[in-house]
């Protein structure tokens, strides 16, 4: 994935956990625009059907549009994913 990861996307899926390709198709992006290392990660109990993926800058707006084009579950959405760096005083 060449571009910086920008956003965490949460989405609902009915049935077995989706593959990265299925998630990309559902969200209207290319597989290359998703972070393969993060993959499709379940959030909470598997029965809830809520998953996350990380998308690059170019895909975030398209994913938001795809989610808004259908009836969206309140748990779904595109969220910031800031890079966290260690800080503090070195001893």
Protein backbone atom coordinates (compact mmCIF):
# COMPACT_ATOMS: atom_id res chain seq x y z
CA UNK A 1 0.00 0.00 0.00
CA UNK A 2 1.84 3.06 -1.24
CA UNK A 3 -0.29 5.81 0.28
CA UNK A 4 -0.49 6.78 3.93
CA UNK A 5 -3.26 5.15 5.94
CA UNK A 6 -5.82 7.77 6.80
CA UNK A 7 -8.98 6.26 8.12
CA UNK A 8 -10.44 3.35 10.00
CA UNK A 9 -13.69 2.15 8.43
CA UNK A 10 -16.28 0.23 10.41
CA UNK A 11 -18.93 -1.67 8.46
CA UNK A 12 -21.58 -4.33 9.00
CA UNK A 13 -21.52 -7.65 7.18
CA UNK A 14 -23.99 -10.51 7.43
CA UNK A 15 -22.57 -14.03 7.31
CA UNK A 16 -19.02 -15.32 7.70
CA UNK A 17 -16.21 -12.77 8.02
CA UNK A 18 -15.58 -11.15 4.64
CA UNK A 19 -12.27 -11.45 2.83
CA UNK A 20 -10.28 -8.32 2.02
CA UNK A 21 -11.58 -8.51 -1.57
CA UNK A 22 -15.20 -8.81 -0.38
CA UNK A 23 -14.74 -5.84 1.96
CA UNK A 24 -13.22 -3.75 -0.85
CA UNK A 25 -16.12 -4.63 -3.14
CA UNK A 26 -18.69 -3.80 -0.45
CA UNK A 27 -17.02 -0.43 0.23
CA UNK A 28 -16.47 0.52 -3.43
CA UNK A 29 -12.67 0.58 -3.38
CA UNK A 30 -9.78 -1.45 -4.78
CA UNK A 31 -8.11 -4.11 -2.65
CA UNK A 32 -4.83 -2.16 -3.02
CA UNK A 33 -6.45 0.78 -1.21
CA UNK A 34 -6.93 -1.31 1.94
CA UNK A 35 -4.20 -2.14 4.43
CA UNK A 36 -3.56 -5.86 4.00
CA UNK A 37 -1.61 -6.06 7.27
CA UNK A 38 -4.65 -4.84 9.22
CA UNK A 39 -6.93 -7.03 7.11
CA UNK A 40 -10.61 -7.31 7.94
CA UNK A 41 -10.77 -7.18 11.72
CA UNK A 42 -13.88 -8.15 13.70
CA UNK A 43 -15.05 -5.64 16.29
CA UNK A 44 -16.67 -7.17 19.34
CA UNK A 45 -18.54 -10.47 19.18
CA UNK A 46 -18.50 -12.20 15.81
CA UNK A 47 -22.29 -12.42 15.94
CA UNK A 48 -22.48 -8.61 15.80
CA UNK A 49 -21.18 -8.64 12.23
CA UNK A 50 -19.15 -5.44 12.71
CA UNK A 51 -15.72 -5.27 11.06
CA UNK A 52 -12.97 -2.74 10.41
CA UNK A 53 -10.50 -2.06 7.63
CA UNK A 54 -7.95 0.70 7.12
CA UNK A 55 -8.15 2.74 3.91
CA UNK A 56 -5.71 5.15 2.28
CA UNK A 57 -6.29 8.86 1.69
CA UNK A 58 -7.64 8.44 -1.82
CA UNK A 59 -10.26 5.89 -0.80
CA UNK A 60 -11.67 7.48 2.39
CA UNK A 61 -14.07 9.88 0.64
CA UNK A 62 -15.33 7.15 -1.71
CA UNK A 63 -15.97 4.81 1.21
CA UNK A 64 -17.90 7.55 3.03
CA UNK A 65 -20.02 8.08 -0.10
CA UNK A 66 -20.65 4.33 -0.47
CA UNK A 67 -21.77 4.04 3.15
CA UNK A 68 -24.03 7.09 2.84
CA UNK A 69 -25.60 5.79 -0.40
CA UNK A 70 -27.38 3.02 1.49
CA UNK A 71 -29.15 2.64 4.80
CA UNK A 72 -26.25 2.89 7.23
CA UNK A 73 -26.10 1.21 10.63
CA UNK A 74 -25.22 3.69 13.42
CA UNK A 75 -22.05 1.70 14.15
CA UNK A 76 -20.75 2.13 10.59
CA UNK A 77 -18.58 4.98 9.44
CA UNK A 78 -15.20 6.41 8.52
CA UNK A 79 -13.08 7.48 11.50
CA UNK A 80 -9.72 9.17 11.90
CA UNK A 81 -6.73 6.98 12.59
CA UNK A 82 -3.92 9.27 13.75
CA UNK A 83 -0.42 7.89 14.02
CA UNK A 84 0.54 7.52 17.67
CA UNK A 85 4.19 7.99 18.55
CA UNK A 86 5.91 7.36 21.86
CA UNK A 87 6.58 10.48 23.86
CA UNK A 88 7.59 11.61 27.27
CA UNK A 89 10.82 12.22 29.05
CA UNK A 90 13.77 9.95 28.47
CA UNK A 91 15.53 8.89 31.64
